[in-house]
PDB file of N, CA and C in Angstrom:
ATOM      1  N   MET A   1       0.851  -1.166   0.000  1.00  0.00           N
ATOM      2  CA  MET A   1       0.000   0.000   0.000  1.00  0.00           C
ATOM      3  C   MET A   1       0.899   1.233   0.000  1.00  0.00           C
ATOM      4  N   SER A   2       0.590   2.189  -0.843  1.00  0.00           N
ATOM      5  CA  SER A   2       1.431   3.382  -0.922  1.00  0.00           C
ATOM      6  C   SER A   2       1.128   4.328   0.233  1.00  0.00           C
ATOM      7  N   GLU A   3       2.051   5.250   0.431  1.00  0.00           N
ATOM      8  CA  GLU A   3       1.913   6.195   1.545  1.00  0.00           C
ATOM      9  C   GLU A   3       0.654   7.040   1.399  1.00  0.00           C
ATOM     10  N   GLY A   4       0.347   7.453   0.178  1.00  0.00           N
ATOM     11  CA  GLY A   4      -0.847   8.265  -0.064  1.00  0.00           C
ATOM     12  C   GLY A   4      -2.121   7.508   0.241  1.00  0.00           C
ATOM     13  N   SER A   5      -2.163   6.233  -0.145  1.00  0.00           N
ATOM     14  CA  SER A   5      -3.372   5.457   0.130  1.00  0.00           C
ATOM     15  C   SER A   5      -3.500   5.145   1.619  1.00  0.00           C
ATOM     16  N   GLU A   6      -2.368   4.997   2.320  1.00  0.00           N
ATOM     17  CA  GLU A   6      -2.418   4.796   3.770  1.00  0.00           C
ATOM     18  C   GLU A   6      -2.955   6.043   4.466  1.00  0.00           C
ATOM     19  N   GLU A   7      -2.511   7.208   3.998  1.00  0.00           N
ATOM     20  CA  GLU A   7      -3.008   8.459   4.573  1.00  0.00           C
ATOM     21  C   GLU A   7      -4.492   8.621   4.297  1.00  0.00           C
ATOM     22  N   ALA A   8      -4.913   8.258   3.081  1.00  0.00           N
ATOM     23  CA  ALA A   8      -6.334   8.355   2.735  1.00  0.00           C
ATOM     24  C   ALA A   8      -7.161   7.409   3.604  1.00  0.00           C
ATOM     25  N   ALA A   9      -6.662   6.198   3.814  1.00  0.00           N
ATOM     26  CA  ALA A   9      -7.379   5.232   4.660  1.00  0.00           C
ATOM     27  C   ALA A   9      -7.466   5.730   6.094  1.00  0.00           C
ATOM     28  N   ALA A  10      -6.378   6.313   6.591  1.00  0.00           N
ATOM     29  CA  ALA A  10      -6.390   6.858   7.952  1.00  0.00           C
ATOM     30  C   ALA A  10      -7.358   8.027   8.048  1.00  0.00           C
ATOM     31  N   GLY A  11      -7.383   8.866   7.036  1.00  0.00           N
ATOM     32  CA  GLY A  11      -8.324   9.991   7.019  1.00  0.00           C
ATOM     33  C   GLY A  11      -9.764   9.522   6.991  1.00  0.00           C
ATOM     34  N   LEU A  12     -10.034   8.503   6.193  1.00  0.00           N
ATOM     35  CA  LEU A  12     -11.393   7.945   6.140  1.00  0.00           C
ATOM     36  C   LEU A  12     -11.784   7.321   7.474  1.00  0.00           C
ATOM     37  N   ALA A  13     -10.834   6.672   8.120  1.00  0.00           N
ATOM     38  CA  ALA A  13     -11.117   6.066   9.431  1.00  0.00           C
ATOM     39  C   ALA A  13     -11.437   7.152  10.460  1.00  0.00           C
ATOM     40  N   ARG A  14     -10.680   8.265  10.417  1.00  0.00           N
ATOM     41  CA  ARG A  14     -10.970   9.377  11.341  1.00  0.00           C
ATOM     42  C   ARG A  14     -12.339   9.973  11.054  1.00  0.00           C
ATOM     43  N   LEU A  15     -12.663  10.138   9.772  1.00  0.00           N
ATOM     44  CA  LEU A  15     -13.963  10.675   9.383  1.00  0.00           C
ATOM     45  C   LEU A  15     -15.083   9.746   9.837  1.00  0.00           C
ATOM     46  N   GLU A  16     -14.891   8.450   9.645  1.00  0.00           N
ATOM     47  CA  GLU A  16     -15.889   7.484  10.092  1.00  0.00           C
ATOM     48  C   GLU A  16     -16.068   7.552  11.608  1.00  0.00           C
ATOM     49  N   GLY A  17     -14.970   7.655  12.339  1.00  0.00           N
ATOM     50  CA  GLY A  17     -15.045   7.772  13.786  1.00  0.00           C
ATOM     51  C   GLY A  17     -15.788   9.028  14.212  1.00  0.00           C
ATOM     52  N   PHE A  18     -15.516  10.135  13.534  1.00  0.00           N
ATOM     53  CA  PHE A  18     -16.202  11.381  13.849  1.00  0.00           C
ATOM     54  C   PHE A  18     -17.701  11.245  13.594  1.00  0.00           C
ATOM     55  N   LEU A  19     -18.056  10.680  12.450  1.00  0.00           N
ATOM     56  CA  LEU A  19     -19.475  10.525  12.118  1.00  0.00           C
ATOM     57  C   LEU A  19     -20.174   9.590  13.106  1.00  0.00           C
ATOM     58  N   MET A  20     -19.484   8.542  13.517  1.00  0.00           N
ATOM     59  CA  MET A  20     -20.068   7.624  14.492  1.00  0.00           C
ATOM     60  C   MET A  20     -20.253   8.307  15.844  1.00  0.00           C
ATOM     61  N   SER A  21     -19.286   9.132  16.245  1.00  0.00           N
ATOM     62  CA  SER A  21     -19.417   9.825  17.527  1.00  0.00           C
ATOM     63  C   SER A  21     -20.549  10.842  17.475  1.00  0.00           C
ATOM     64  N   GLN A  22     -20.709  11.507  16.342  1.00  0.00           N
ATOM     65  CA  GLN A  22     -21.808  12.462  16.207  1.00  0.00           C
ATOM     66  C   GLN A  22     -23.160  11.754  16.233  1.00  0.00           C
ATOM     67  N   ALA A  23     -23.231  10.585  15.615  1.00  0.00           N
ATOM     68  CA  ALA A  23     -24.477   9.805  15.646  1.00  0.00           C
ATOM     69  C   ALA A  23     -24.785   9.347  17.071  1.00  0.00           C
ATOM     70  N   ALA A  24     -23.761   8.940  17.811  1.00  0.00           N
ATOM     71  CA  ALA A  24     -23.957   8.514  19.198  1.00  0.00           C
ATOM     72  C   ALA A  24     -24.410   9.687  20.057  1.00  0.00           C
ATOM     73  N   LEU A  25     -23.836  10.846  19.832  1.00  0.00           N
ATOM     74  CA  LEU A  25     -24.225  12.043  20.573  1.00  0.00           C
ATOM     75  C   LEU A  25     -25.673  12.415  20.267  1.00  0.00           C
ATOM     76  N   ARG A  26     -26.040  12.377  18.996  1.00  0.00           N
ATOM     77  CA  ARG A  26     -27.418  12.686  18.600  1.00  0.00           C
ATOM     78  C   ARG A  26     -28.390  11.685  19.229  1.00  0.00           C
ATOM     79  N   GLU A  27     -28.025  10.405  19.194  1.00  0.00           N
ATOM     80  CA  GLU A  27     -28.874   9.376  19.783  1.00  0.00           C
ATOM     81  C   GLU A  27     -29.032   9.595  21.292  1.00  0.00           C
ATOM     82  N   ALA A  28     -27.947   9.918  21.975  1.00  0.00           N
ATOM     83  CA  ALA A  28     -28.000  10.147  23.421  1.00  0.00           C
ATOM     84  C   ALA A  28     -28.908  11.330  23.740  1.00  0.00           C
ATOM     85  N   ARG A  29     -28.781  12.396  22.969  1.00  0.00           N
ATOM     86  CA  ARG A  29     -29.634  13.565  23.192  1.00  0.00           C
ATOM     87  C   ARG A  29     -31.104  13.238  22.952  1.00  0.00           C
ATOM     88  N   GLU A  30     -31.373  12.502  21.864  1.00  0.00           N
ATOM     89  CA  GLU A  30     -32.764  12.134  21.564  1.00  0.00           C
ATOM     90  C   GLU A  30     -33.343  11.242  22.652  1.00  0.00           C
ATOM     91  N   GLU A  31     -32.554  10.281  23.127  1.00  0.00           N
ATOM     92  CA  GLU A  31     -33.019   9.402  24.199  1.00  0.00           C
ATOM     93  C   GLU A  31     -33.259  10.189  25.480  1.00  0.00           C
ATOM     94  N   GLY A  32     -32.362  11.111  25.781  1.00  0.00           N
ATOM     95  CA  GLY A  32     -32.521  11.944  26.970  1.00  0.00           C
ATOM     96  C   GLY A  32     -33.767  12.809  26.889  1.00  0.00           C
ATOM     97  N   GLN A  33     -34.002  13.396  25.728  1.00  0.00           N
ATOM     98  CA  GLN A  33     -35.191  14.235  25.554  1.00  0.00           C
ATOM     99  C   GLN A  33     -36.463  13.401  25.666  1.00  0.00           C
ATOM    100  N   ALA A  34     -36.468  12.213  25.062  1.00  0.00           N
ATOM    101  CA  ALA A  34     -37.644  11.354  25.143  1.00  0.00           C
ATOM    102  C   ALA A  34     -37.914  10.949  26.591  1.00  0.00           C
ATOM    103  N   PHE A  35     -36.864  10.635  27.329  1.00  0.00           N
ATOM    104  CA  PHE A  35     -37.026  10.253  28.729  1.00  0.00           C
ATOM    105  C   PHE A  35     -37.583  11.421  29.541  1.00  0.00           C
ATOM    106  N   ALA A  36     -37.013  12.603  29.342  1.00  0.00           N
ATOM    107  CA  ALA A  36     -37.424  13.771  30.115  1.00  0.00           C
ATOM    108  C   ALA A  36     -38.851  14.197  29.760  1.00  0.00           C
ATOM    109  N   ARG A  37     -39.239  14.079  28.512  1.00  0.00           N
ATOM    110  CA  ARG A  37     -40.605  14.438  28.111  1.00  0.00           C
ATOM    111  C   ARG A  37     -41.639  13.567  28.807  1.00  0.00           C
ATOM    112  N   ALA A  38     -41.260  12.319  29.122  1.00  0.00           N
ATOM    113  CA  ALA A  38     -42.193  11.417  29.808  1.00  0.00           C
ATOM    114  C   ALA A  38     -42.443  11.848  31.243  1.00  0.00           C
ATOM    115  N   LEU A  39     -41.569  12.666  31.791  1.00  0.00           N
ATOM    116  CA  LEU A  39     -41.726  13.160  33.164  1.00  0.00           C
ATOM    117  C   LEU A  39     -42.486  14.480  33.114  1.00  0.00           C
ATOM    118  N   THR A  40     -43.762  14.391  32.826  1.00  0.00           N
ATOM    119  CA  THR A  40     -44.585  15.576  32.544  1.00  0.00           C
ATOM    120  C   THR A  40     -44.751  16.504  33.744  1.00  0.00           C
ATOM    121  N   TRP A  41     -44.553  16.023  34.949  1.00  0.00           N
ATOM    122  CA  TRP A  41     -44.724  16.862  36.137  1.00  0.00           C
ATOM    123  C   TRP A  41     -43.551  17.801  36.377  1.00  0.00           C
ATOM    124  N   LEU A  42     -42.458  17.591  35.639  1.00  0.00           N
ATOM    125  CA  LEU A  42     -41.299  18.473  35.798  1.00  0.00           C
ATOM    126  C   LEU A  42     -41.463  19.726  34.949  1.00  0.00           C
ATOM    127  N   GLY A  43     -40.851  20.792  35.392  1.00  0.00           N
ATOM    128  CA  GLY A  43     -40.832  22.015  34.594  1.00  0.00           C
ATOM    129  C   GLY A  43     -39.861  21.864  33.437  1.00  0.00           C
ATOM    130  N   SER A  44     -39.894  22.822  32.515  1.00  0.00           N
ATOM    131  CA  SER A  44     -39.051  22.703  31.314  1.00  0.00           C
ATOM    132  C   SER A  44     -37.566  22.745  31.667  1.00  0.00           C
ATOM    133  N   GLY A  45     -37.198  23.575  32.631  1.00  0.00           N
ATOM    134  CA  GLY A  45     -35.788  23.622  33.054  1.00  0.00           C
ATOM    135  C   GLY A  45     -35.344  22.318  33.680  1.00  0.00           C
ATOM    136  N   GLU A  46     -36.226  21.725  34.472  1.00  0.00           N
ATOM    137  CA  GLU A  46     -35.912  20.435  35.096  1.00  0.00           C
ATOM    138  C   GLU A  46     -35.831  19.332  34.050  1.00  0.00           C
ATOM    139  N   GLN A  47     -36.742  19.388  33.076  1.00  0.00           N
ATOM    140  CA  GLN A  47     -36.694  18.395  31.997  1.00  0.00           C
ATOM    141  C   GLN A  47     -35.396  18.527  31.202  1.00  0.00           C
ATOM    142  N   ASP A  48     -34.965  19.758  30.953  1.00  0.00           N
ATOM    143  CA  ASP A  48     -33.702  19.964  30.231  1.00  0.00           C
ATOM    144  C   ASP A  48     -32.523  19.384  31.019  1.00  0.00           C
ATOM    145  N   GLU A  49     -32.529  19.606  32.329  1.00  0.00           N
ATOM    146  CA  GLU A  49     -31.449  19.071  33.156  1.00  0.00           C
ATOM    147  C   GLU A  49     -31.459  17.550  33.166  1.00  0.00           C
ATOM    148  N   ILE A  50     -32.653  16.965  33.322  1.00  0.00           N
ATOM    149  CA  ILE A  50     -32.780  15.503  33.298  1.00  0.00           C
ATOM    150  C   ILE A  50     -32.341  14.967  31.938  1.00  0.00           C
ATOM    151  N   SER A  51     -32.753  15.644  30.882  1.00  0.00           N
ATOM    152  CA  SER A  51     -32.377  15.230  29.527  1.00  0.00           C
ATOM    153  C   SER A  51     -30.865  15.237  29.360  1.00  0.00           C
ATOM    154  N   ASP A  52     -30.211  16.303  29.815  1.00  0.00           N
ATOM    155  CA  ASP A  52     -28.749  16.396  29.695  1.00  0.00           C
ATOM    156  C   ASP A  52     -28.050  15.316  30.526  1.00  0.00           C
ATOM    157  N   ARG A  53     -28.536  15.102  31.735  1.00  0.00           N
ATOM    158  CA  ARG A  53     -27.921  14.072  32.587  1.00  0.00           C
ATOM    159  C   ARG A  53     -28.109  12.682  31.991  1.00  0.00           C
ATOM    160  N   PHE A  54     -29.292  12.427  31.460  1.00  0.00           N
ATOM    161  CA  PHE A  54     -29.548  11.139  30.829  1.00  0.00           C
ATOM    162  C   PHE A  54     -28.619  10.943  29.637  1.00  0.00           C
ATOM    163  N   ALA A  55     -28.483  11.974  28.819  1.00  0.00           N
ATOM    164  CA  ALA A  55     -27.610  11.886  27.641  1.00  0.00           C
ATOM    165  C   ALA A  55     -26.164  11.626  28.057  1.00  0.00           C
ATOM    166  N   GLN A  56     -25.685  12.317  29.084  1.00  0.00           N
ATOM    167  CA  GLN A  56     -24.317  12.100  29.558  1.00  0.00           C
ATOM    168  C   GLN A  56     -24.139  10.674  30.073  1.00  0.00           C
ATOM    169  N   HIS A  57     -25.131  10.206  30.807  1.00  0.00           N
ATOM    170  CA  HIS A  57     -25.077   8.828  31.326  1.00  0.00           C
ATOM    171  C   HIS A  57     -25.075   7.832  30.161  1.00  0.00           C
ATOM    172  N   HIS A  58     -25.907   8.087  29.174  1.00  0.00           N
ATOM    173  CA  HIS A  58     -25.982   7.218  27.990  1.00  0.00           C
ATOM    174  C   HIS A  58     -24.620   7.162  27.287  1.00  0.00           C
ATOM    175  N   LEU A  59     -23.990   8.314  27.112  1.00  0.00           N
ATOM    176  CA  LEU A  59     -22.674   8.362  26.461  1.00  0.00           C
ATOM    177  C   LEU A  59     -21.609   7.666  27.303  1.00  0.00           C
ATOM    178  N   CYS A  60     -21.688   7.827  28.606  1.00  0.00           N
ATOM    179  CA  CYS A  60     -20.727   7.171  29.500  1.00  0.00           C
ATOM    180  C   CYS A  60     -20.855   5.649  29.388  1.00  0.00           C
ATOM    181  N   LEU A  61     -22.083   5.166  29.396  1.00  0.00           N
ATOM    182  CA  LEU A  61     -22.293   3.721  29.241  1.00  0.00           C
ATOM    183  C   LEU A  61     -21.772   3.220  27.903  1.00  0.00           C
ATOM    184  N   ARG A  62     -22.011   3.999  26.868  1.00  0.00           N
ATOM    185  CA  ARG A  62     -21.553   3.604  25.533  1.00  0.00           C
ATOM    186  C   ARG A  62     -20.024   3.536  25.490  1.00  0.00           C
ATOM    187  N   ARG A  63     -19.356   4.513  26.111  1.00  0.00           N
ATOM    188  CA  ARG A  63     -17.880   4.498  26.169  1.00  0.00           C
ATOM    189  C   ARG A  63     -17.378   3.261  26.924  1.00  0.00           C
ATOM    190  N   GLU A  64     -18.030   2.958  28.043  1.00  0.00           N
ATOM    191  CA  GLU A  64     -17.633   1.784  28.829  1.00  0.00           C
ATOM    192  C   GLU A  64     -17.819   0.500  28.024  1.00  0.00           C
ATOM    193  N   MET A  65     -18.936   0.401  27.306  1.00  0.00           N
ATOM    194  CA  MET A  65     -19.170  -0.794  26.490  1.00  0.00           C
ATOM    195  C   MET A  65     -18.138  -0.890  25.370  1.00  0.00           C
ATOM    196  N   LEU A  66     -17.815   0.242  24.756  1.00  0.00           N
ATOM    197  CA  LEU A  66     -16.815   0.243  23.694  1.00  0.00           C
ATOM    198  C   LEU A  66     -15.447  -0.148  24.235  1.00  0.00           C
ATOM    199  N   ALA A  67     -15.087   0.383  25.401  1.00  0.00           N
ATOM    200  CA  ALA A  67     -13.802   0.032  26.007  1.00  0.00           C
ATOM    201  C   ALA A  67     -13.753  -1.455  26.348  1.00  0.00           C
ATOM    202  N   ALA A  68     -14.866  -1.992  26.859  1.00  0.00           N
ATOM    203  CA  ALA A  68     -14.916  -3.423  27.168  1.00  0.00           C
ATOM    204  C   ALA A  68     -14.798  -4.255  25.898  1.00  0.00           C
ATOM    205  N   THR A  69     -15.425  -3.795  24.823  1.00  0.00           N
ATOM    206  CA  THR A  69     -15.350  -4.518  23.548  1.00  0.00           C
ATOM    207  C   THR A  69     -13.926  -4.497  23.003  1.00  0.00           C
ATOM    208  N   VAL A  70     -13.281  -3.350  23.086  1.00  0.00           N
ATOM    209  CA  VAL A  70     -11.894  -3.234  22.605  1.00  0.00           C
ATOM    210  C   VAL A  70     -10.972  -4.136  23.428  1.00  0.00           C
ATOM    211  N   ALA A  71     -11.169  -4.134  24.748  1.00  0.00           N
ATOM    212  CA  ALA A  71     -10.342  -4.980  25.613  1.00  0.00           C
ATOM    213  C   ALA A  71     -10.562  -6.454  25.291  1.00  0.00           C
ATOM    214  N   ARG A  72     -11.816  -6.836  25.093  1.00  0.00           N
ATOM    215  CA  ARG A  72     -12.112  -8.241  24.776  1.00  0.00           C
ATOM    216  C   ARG A  72     -11.535  -8.617  23.415  1.00  0.00           C
ATOM    217  N   ALA A  73     -11.597  -7.710  22.462  1.00  0.00           N
ATOM    218  CA  ALA A  73     -11.018  -7.975  21.143  1.00  0.00           C
ATOM    219  C   ALA A  73      -9.513  -8.208  21.257  1.00  0.00           C
ATOM    220  N   ALA A  74      -8.847  -7.426  22.101  1.00  0.00           N
ATOM    221  CA  ALA A  74      -7.403  -7.612  22.306  1.00  0.00           C
ATOM    222  C   ALA A  74      -7.130  -8.962  22.964  1.00  0.00           C
ATOM    223  N   GLU A  75      -7.958  -9.342  23.940  1.00  0.00           N
ATOM    224  CA  GLU A  75      -7.799 -10.654  24.585  1.00  0.00           C
ATOM    225  C   GLU A  75      -7.968 -11.779  23.566  1.00  0.00           C
ATOM    226  N   LEU A  76      -9.007 -11.670  22.738  1.00  0.00           N
ATOM    227  CA  LEU A  76      -9.251 -12.707  21.728  1.00  0.00           C
ATOM    228  C   LEU A  76      -8.129 -12.753  20.698  1.00  0.00           C
ATOM    229  N   LYS A  77      -7.609 -11.592  20.323  1.00  0.00           N
ATOM    230  CA  LYS A  77      -6.503 -11.554  19.370  1.00  0.00           C
ATOM    231  C   LYS A  77      -5.304 -12.309  19.926  1.00  0.00           C
ATOM    232  N   ASP A  78      -4.976 -12.044  21.187  1.00  0.00           N
ATOM    233  CA  ASP A  78      -3.857 -12.736  21.820  1.00  0.00           C
ATOM    234  C   ASP A  78      -4.122 -14.238  21.922  1.00  0.00           C
ATOM    235  N   GLU A  79      -5.342 -14.578  22.347  1.00  0.00           N
ATOM    236  CA  GLU A  79      -5.687 -15.993  22.497  1.00  0.00           C
ATOM    237  C   GLU A  79      -5.592 -16.733  21.167  1.00  0.00           C
ATOM    238  N   TYR A  80      -6.154 -16.131  20.111  1.00  0.00           N
ATOM    239  CA  TYR A  80      -6.116 -16.797  18.813  1.00  0.00           C
ATOM    240  C   TYR A  80      -4.717 -16.812  18.223  1.00  0.00           C
ATOM    241  N   ALA A  81      -3.909 -15.803  18.514  1.00  0.00           N
ATOM    242  CA  ALA A  81      -2.519 -15.811  18.057  1.00  0.00           C
ATOM    243  C   ALA A  81      -1.763 -16.958  18.709  1.00  0.00           C
ATOM    244  N   GLN A  82      -2.003 -17.196  20.001  1.00  0.00           N
ATOM    245  CA  GLN A  82      -1.366 -18.317  20.692  1.00  0.00           C
ATOM    246  C   GLN A  82      -1.837 -19.651  20.116  1.00  0.00           C
ATOM    247  N   ARG A  83      -3.150 -19.757  19.891  1.00  0.00           N
ATOM    248  CA  ARG A  83      -3.683 -21.005  19.317  1.00  0.00           C
ATOM    249  C   ARG A  83      -3.104 -21.255  17.925  1.00  0.00           C
ATOM    250  N   TYR A  84      -3.033 -20.194  17.114  1.00  0.00           N
ATOM    251  CA  TYR A  84      -2.486 -20.339  15.776  1.00  0.00           C
ATOM    252  C   TYR A  84      -1.025 -20.755  15.838  1.00  0.00           C
ATOM    253  N   GLY A  85      -0.276 -20.188  16.759  1.00  0.00           N
ATOM    254  CA  GLY A  85       1.134 -20.564  16.909  1.00  0.00           C
ATOM    255  C   GLY A  85       1.286 -22.031  17.269  1.00  0.00           C
ATOM    256  N   ARG A  86       0.454 -22.500  18.222  1.00  0.00           N
ATOM    257  CA  ARG A  86       0.507 -23.924  18.591  1.00  0.00           C
ATOM    258  C   ARG A  86       0.112 -24.813  17.417  1.00  0.00           C
ATOM    259  N   LEU A  87      -0.932 -24.434  16.716  1.00  0.00           N
ATOM    260  CA  LEU A  87      -1.375 -25.219  15.559  1.00  0.00           C
ATOM    261  C   LEU A  87      -0.304 -25.243  14.481  1.00  0.00           C
ATOM    262  N   ARG A  88       0.318 -24.103  14.224  1.00  0.00           N
ATOM    263  CA  ARG A  88       1.370 -24.031  13.209  1.00  0.00           C
ATOM    264  C   ARG A  88       2.544 -24.933  13.585  1.00  0.00           C
ATOM    265  N   ARG A  89       2.938 -24.899  14.874  1.00  0.00           N
ATOM    266  CA  ARG A  89       4.040 -25.761  15.316  1.00  0.00           C
ATOM    267  C   ARG A  89       3.660 -27.232  15.193  1.00  0.00           C
ATOM    268  N   ARG A  90       2.428 -27.541  15.558  1.00  0.00           N
ATOM    269  CA  ARG A  90       1.975 -28.930  15.481  1.00  0.00           C
ATOM    270  C   ARG A  90       1.958 -29.431  14.033  1.00  0.00           C
ATOM    271  N   VAL A  91       1.428 -28.621  13.130  1.00  0.00           N
ATOM    272  CA  VAL A  91       1.361 -29.012  11.720  1.00  0.00           C
ATOM    273  C   VAL A  91       2.758 -29.112  11.132  1.00  0.00           C
ATOM    274  N   THR A  92       3.629 -28.170  11.486  1.00  0.00           N
ATOM    275  CA  THR A  92       5.005 -28.228  10.993  1.00  0.00           C
ATOM    276  C   THR A  92       5.700 -29.485  11.506  1.00  0.00           C
ATOM    277  N   GLY A  93       5.493 -29.809  12.776  1.00  0.00           N
ATOM    278  CA  GLY A  93       6.078 -31.028  13.339  1.00  0.00           C
ATOM    279  C   GLY A  93       5.549 -32.276  12.660  1.00  0.00           C
ATOM    280  N   MET A  94       4.236 -32.300  12.418  1.00  0.00           N
ATOM    281  CA  MET A  94       3.657 -33.470  11.745  1.00  0.00           C
ATOM    282  C   MET A  94       4.172 -33.589  10.318  1.00  0.00           C
ATOM    283  N   ALA A  95       4.324 -32.453   9.634  1.00  0.00           N
ATOM    284  CA  ALA A  95       4.847 -32.486   8.268  1.00  0.00           C
ATOM    285  C   ALA A  95       6.291 -32.970   8.265  1.00  0.00           C
ATOM    286  N   ALA A  96       7.083 -32.510   9.220  1.00  0.00           N
ATOM    287  CA  ALA A  96       8.479 -32.957   9.305  1.00  0.00           C
ATOM    288  C   ALA A  96       8.546 -34.452   9.608  1.00  0.00           C
ATOM    289  N   ALA A  97       7.670 -34.910  10.520  1.00  0.00           N
ATOM    290  CA  ALA A  97       7.645 -36.345  10.852  1.00  0.00           C
ATOM    291  C   ALA A  97       7.221 -37.164   9.642  1.00  0.00           C
ATOM    292  N   ALA A  98       6.208 -36.698   8.930  1.00  0.00           N
ATOM    293  CA  ALA A  98       5.746 -37.418   7.737  1.00  0.00           C
ATOM    294  C   ALA A  98       6.840 -37.455   6.677  1.00  0.00           C
ATOM    295  N   PHE A  99       7.552 -36.339   6.519  1.00  0.00           N
ATOM    296  CA  PHE A  99       8.645 -36.308   5.561  1.00  0.00           C
ATOM    297  C   PHE A  99       9.743 -37.289   5.965  1.00  0.00           C
ATOM    298  N   ALA A 100      10.049 -37.332   7.263  1.00  0.00           N
ATOM    299  CA  ALA A 100      11.085 -38.260   7.742  1.00  0.00           C
ATOM    300  C   ALA A 100      10.660 -39.700   7.504  1.00  0.00           C
ATOM    301  N   VAL A 101       9.409 -40.025   7.803  1.00  0.00           N
ATOM    302  CA  VAL A 101       8.916 -41.390   7.581  1.00  0.00           C
ATOM    303  C   VAL A 101       8.940 -41.716   6.101  1.00  0.00           C
ATOM    304  N   TRP A 102       8.491 -40.800   5.274  1.00  0.00           N
ATOM    305  CA  TRP A 102       8.473 -41.037   3.827  1.00  0.00           C
ATOM    306  C   TRP A 102       9.897 -41.221   3.302  1.00  0.00           C
ATOM    307  N   THR A 103      10.834 -40.423   3.804  1.00  0.00           N
ATOM    308  CA  THR A 103      12.230 -40.563   3.396  1.00  0.00           C
ATOM    309  C   THR A 103      12.767 -41.926   3.813  1.00  0.00           C
ATOM    310  N   ALA A 104      12.459 -42.349   5.036  1.00  0.00           N
ATOM    311  CA  ALA A 104      12.907 -43.658   5.517  1.00  0.00           C
ATOM    312  C   ALA A 104      12.325 -44.772   4.674  1.00  0.00           C
ATOM    313  N   VAL A 105      11.047 -44.657   4.317  1.00  0.00           N
ATOM    314  CA  VAL A 105      10.402 -45.693   3.470  1.00  0.00           C
ATOM    315  C   VAL A 105      11.084 -45.728   2.115  1.00  0.00           C
ATOM    316  N   LEU A 106      11.354 -44.595   1.518  1.00  0.00           N
ATOM    317  CA  LEU A 106      12.012 -44.568   0.227  1.00  0.00           C
ATOM    318  C   LEU A 106      13.415 -45.162   0.286  1.00  0.00           C
ATOM    319  N   ILE A 107      14.138 -44.883   1.381  1.00  0.00           N
ATOM    320  CA  ILE A 107      15.483 -45.440   1.531  1.00  0.00           C
ATOM    321  C   ILE A 107      15.423 -46.950   1.631  1.00  0.00           C
ATOM    322  N   VAL A 108      14.465 -47.443   2.421  1.00  0.00           N
ATOM    323  CA  VAL A 108      14.336 -48.894   2.586  1.00  0.00           C
ATOM    324  C   VAL A 108      13.923 -49.546   1.272  1.00  0.00           C
ATOM    325  N   LEU A 109      12.994 -48.944   0.551  1.00  0.00           N
ATOM    326  CA  LEU A 109      12.493 -49.527  -0.689  1.00  0.00           C
ATOM    327  C   LEU A 109      13.483 -49.411  -1.844  1.00  0.00           C
ATOM    328  N   CYS A 110      14.344 -48.458  -1.798  1.00  0.00           N
ATOM    329  CA  CYS A 110      15.270 -48.240  -2.903  1.00  0.00           C
ATOM    330  C   CYS A 110      16.624 -48.895  -2.679  1.00  0.00           C
ATOM    331  N   ARG A 111      16.799 -49.651  -1.614  1.00  0.00           N
ATOM    332  CA  ARG A 111      18.063 -50.337  -1.380  1.00  0.00           C
ATOM    333  C   ARG A 111      18.235 -51.440  -2.417  1.00  0.00           C
ATOM    334  N   PRO A 112      19.445 -51.577  -2.878  1.00  0.00           N
ATOM    335  CA  PRO A 112      19.698 -52.659  -3.869  1.00  0.00           C
ATOM    336  C   PRO A 112      19.789 -54.020  -3.262  1.00  0.00           C
TER     337      PRO A 112
END
């Protein structure tokens, strides 16, 4: 991959991240407003405060879930890398053993 295409990919990833964060912020605000509107006995200032607090709580939960997902992805990456390493060693060992056996059979069969 060329340097220009790597920069373009990084720029697109940043743009995607920005758009996703804006969508999450919009969703949190909408959820907060919907929650606060259901509390009809509150005044408009109180509803605004409840809406803002709900939105902040919603965003905090989303960040925590994202952090947990990232951490779990790193754990799985390490786990699968270890499994792949063991499998690769096992297959390489079996291939070497099979080659040794095949070589021994050929030596025995080709003796004069």
